[in-house]
Amino acid sequence: MTFRRSVDIEASQAGRAFKARRLAAGVLLAATFLLPSAGHAERPTAVIPTQTIYPGETVDASRVEVVDVTNPDLADGYVRTLNEIDGKVTKRTLLPGRVILVSALREQYAVERGSTVRLVFSNGGLTISAAGSPLQDAAVGELIRARNIDTGVIVSGTVMADGTIHVVAK
């Protein structure tokens, strides 16, 4: 009789352990399907060059690739998607296999130092335009100084998308 009793006790303990394992497996399976982020968390991505890109060159998709970030200690401030580099120009050399920092990219210049541009001043119904020369390179929306070619006066203005400089009143 003791033999049966010990077998009954072992069987009942084995049955409880089996039920606990089955319950744990069910919870894990439900969490995987109901909470996709718990089972399959998406890794962050980074854009890296496939070849050396030198300062002043335009970055395009054929010269870079998107990779998964495996280093959890990687500091923020790097380019994560191809949309972030679209039409950007490098400020410094980008090496293959290294992340591209956002600070290493700039917008393309709309006006370049020494070129001829149109200076436009508007105040109410009055509009004055003249030929000018930017004193620095600048992208759209930047405030720069330019020299009026006819008078030699230096004015400040905002670079517009069409390449003109809208002069601000003093």
Protein backbone atom coordinates (compact mmCIF):
# COMPACT_ATOMS: atom_id res chain seq x y z
CA MET A 1 0.00 0.00 0.00
CA THR A 2 2.87 2.45 0.73
CA PHE A 3 4.17 1.78 -2.71
CA ARG A 4 0.94 2.84 -4.28
CA ARG A 5 0.68 5.87 -2.11
CA SER A 6 4.15 7.17 -3.02
CA VAL A 7 3.37 6.53 -6.69
CA ASP A 8 0.09 8.42 -6.31
CA ILE A 9 1.93 11.34 -4.66
CA GLU A 10 4.57 11.41 -7.40
CA ALA A 11 1.88 11.22 -10.09
CA SER A 12 -0.06 14.06 -8.56
CA GLN A 13 3.10 16.22 -8.27
CA ALA A 14 4.02 15.42 -11.88
CA GLY A 15 0.50 16.35 -12.95
CA ARG A 16 0.74 19.73 -11.19
CA ALA A 17 4.15 20.45 -12.75
CA PHE A 18 2.78 19.53 -16.19
CA LYS A 19 -0.22 21.86 -15.70
CA ALA A 20 2.08 24.71 -14.60
CA ARG A 21 4.32 24.25 -17.65
CA ARG A 22 1.30 24.12 -19.95
CA LEU A 23 -0.10 27.31 -18.37
CA ALA A 24 3.27 29.11 -18.73
CA ALA A 25 3.53 28.05 -22.39
CA GLY A 26 0.00 29.31 -23.03
CA VAL A 27 0.75 32.69 -21.44
CA LEU A 28 3.97 33.01 -23.48
CA LEU A 29 2.18 32.09 -26.70
CA ALA A 30 -0.64 34.57 -26.01
CA ALA A 31 1.86 37.34 -25.22
CA THR A 32 3.69 36.69 -28.48
CA PHE A 33 0.54 37.02 -30.60
CA LEU A 34 -1.28 39.69 -28.65
CA LEU A 35 1.73 41.91 -27.88
CA PRO A 36 3.99 41.84 -30.93
CA SER A 37 6.41 44.30 -29.36
CA ALA A 38 7.04 41.94 -26.44
CA GLY A 39 8.14 39.03 -28.62
CA HIS A 40 9.63 40.83 -31.60
CA ALA A 41 10.91 44.27 -30.60
CA GLU A 42 12.16 46.14 -33.66
CA ARG A 43 15.80 47.05 -33.54
CA PRO A 44 16.77 50.61 -34.35
CA THR A 45 18.45 51.17 -37.69
CA ALA A 46 21.35 53.35 -38.80
CA VAL A 47 22.54 54.58 -42.18
CA ILE A 48 26.19 53.87 -42.95
CA PRO A 49 28.29 54.67 -46.04
CA THR A 50 29.42 51.81 -48.28
CA GLN A 51 32.33 53.90 -49.56
CA THR A 52 34.25 56.99 -48.46
CA ILE A 53 32.26 60.20 -48.98
CA TYR A 54 34.26 63.42 -48.95
CA PRO A 55 33.22 66.90 -47.68
CA GLY A 56 31.04 68.81 -50.12
CA GLU A 57 29.69 65.70 -51.86
CA THR A 58 25.97 65.02 -52.06
CA VAL A 59 24.89 61.86 -50.26
CA ASP A 60 22.56 59.58 -52.21
CA ALA A 61 21.01 56.16 -51.56
CA SER A 62 23.45 54.34 -53.87
CA ARG A 63 26.39 55.20 -51.59
CA VAL A 64 24.85 54.14 -48.27
CA GLU A 65 23.01 51.23 -46.68
CA VAL A 66 20.61 50.81 -43.77
CA VAL A 67 21.71 48.37 -41.06
CA ASP A 68 20.34 47.20 -37.70
CA VAL A 69 21.98 48.74 -34.65
CA THR A 70 23.35 46.00 -32.40
CA ASN A 71 25.24 48.22 -29.94
CA PRO A 72 22.84 49.30 -27.17
CA ASP A 73 25.34 51.94 -25.97
CA LEU A 74 25.41 53.86 -29.27
CA ALA A 75 24.83 57.55 -28.51
CA ASP A 76 21.92 59.31 -30.17
CA GLY A 77 22.40 61.85 -32.96
CA TYR A 78 22.99 59.56 -35.93
CA VAL A 79 21.01 59.20 -39.16
CA ARG A 80 18.42 56.42 -38.86
CA THR A 81 16.60 56.45 -42.24
CA LEU A 82 17.34 57.25 -45.87
CA ASN A 83 14.81 60.12 -45.75
CA GLU A 84 17.11 62.01 -43.37
CA ILE A 85 19.97 62.13 -45.91
CA ASP A 86 17.91 62.92 -49.01
CA GLY A 87 19.67 65.76 -50.86
CA LYS A 88 22.08 66.55 -48.01
CA VAL A 89 25.74 67.50 -48.45
CA THR A 90 28.54 66.31 -46.18
CA LYS A 91 30.48 68.70 -43.97
CA ARG A 92 33.26 66.20 -43.27
CA THR A 93 34.61 62.86 -44.51
CA LEU A 94 32.27 59.91 -43.94
CA LEU A 95 34.00 56.54 -43.60
CA PRO A 96 32.54 53.19 -44.70
CA GLY A 97 30.95 51.13 -41.93
CA ARG A 98 30.62 54.11 -39.53
CA VAL A 99 27.34 55.75 -38.56
CA ILE A 100 26.58 59.12 -40.13
CA LEU A 101 26.06 61.84 -37.55
CA VAL A 102 23.29 64.33 -38.25
CA SER A 103 25.77 67.12 -37.47
CA ALA A 104 27.98 65.94 -40.36
CA LEU A 105 25.31 66.88 -42.93
CA ARG A 106 23.95 70.20 -44.19
CA GLU A 107 21.40 71.42 -46.70
CA GLN A 108 22.60 72.30 -50.21
CA TYR A 109 23.53 75.95 -50.69
CA ALA A 110 20.99 78.06 -52.57
CA VAL A 111 23.51 80.91 -53.04
CA GLU A 112 27.29 80.80 -53.13
CA ARG A 113 29.78 83.44 -52.15
CA GLY A 114 30.86 85.65 -55.04
CA SER A 115 28.02 84.70 -57.39
CA THR A 116 25.50 87.24 -58.70
CA VAL A 117 22.03 87.20 -57.15
CA ARG A 118 18.97 89.40 -57.13
CA LEU A 119 18.46 91.53 -53.98
CA VAL A 120 14.81 92.33 -53.30
CA PHE A 121 13.45 94.85 -50.80
CA SER A 122 9.67 95.07 -50.23
CA ASN A 123 7.83 97.47 -47.95
CA GLY A 124 4.08 97.75 -48.47
CA GLY A 125 3.53 98.45 -52.18
CA LEU A 126 7.16 99.46 -52.79
CA THR A 127 9.51 96.83 -54.26
CA ILE A 128 13.14 97.55 -55.11
CA SER A 129 15.45 95.02 -56.72
CA ALA A 130 19.14 95.20 -57.53
CA ALA A 131 22.05 92.96 -58.44
CA GLY A 132 24.04 91.73 -55.49
CA SER A 133 26.84 89.40 -54.45
CA PRO A 134 26.55 87.17 -51.35
CA LEU A 135 29.44 87.46 -48.90
CA GLN A 136 29.00 83.85 -47.77
CA ASP A 137 27.48 80.53 -48.84
CA ALA A 138 23.97 79.95 -47.52
CA ALA A 139 21.03 77.55 -47.67
CA VAL A 140 17.37 78.52 -48.01
CA GLY A 141 16.08 80.43 -44.99
CA GLU A 142 19.45 81.60 -43.68
CA LEU A 143 20.15 85.24 -42.89
CA ILE A 144 23.28 86.44 -44.72
CA ARG A 145 25.06 89.61 -45.77
CA ALA A 146 25.35 90.64 -49.41
CA ARG A 147 26.93 93.55 -51.28
CA ASN A 148 24.90 95.66 -53.70
CA ILE A 149 27.01 95.55 -56.88
CA ASP A 150 25.95 99.03 -58.05
CA THR A 151 26.43 100.97 -54.78
CA GLY A 152 28.80 98.77 -52.76
CA VAL A 153 26.45 98.94 -49.76
CA ILE A 154 26.35 95.79 -47.62
CA VAL A 155 22.85 94.65 -46.63
CA SER A 156 21.42 91.70 -44.68
CA GLY A 157 18.71 89.45 -46.03
CA THR A 158 17.09 86.04 -46.04
CA VAL A 159 17.87 83.52 -48.78
CA MET A 160 14.76 82.37 -50.66
CA ALA A 161 14.19 79.09 -52.54
CA ASP A 162 14.39 80.82 -55.94
CA GLY A 163 17.93 82.08 -55.15
CA THR A 164 16.97 85.68 -54.39
CA ILE A 165 17.82 87.47 -51.16
CA HIS A 166 14.99 89.37 -49.46
CA VAL A 167 16.61 92.35 -47.79
CA VAL A 168 15.49 93.29 -44.28
CA ALA A 169 14.96 96.93 -43.30
CA LYS A 170 17.29 98.44 -40.73
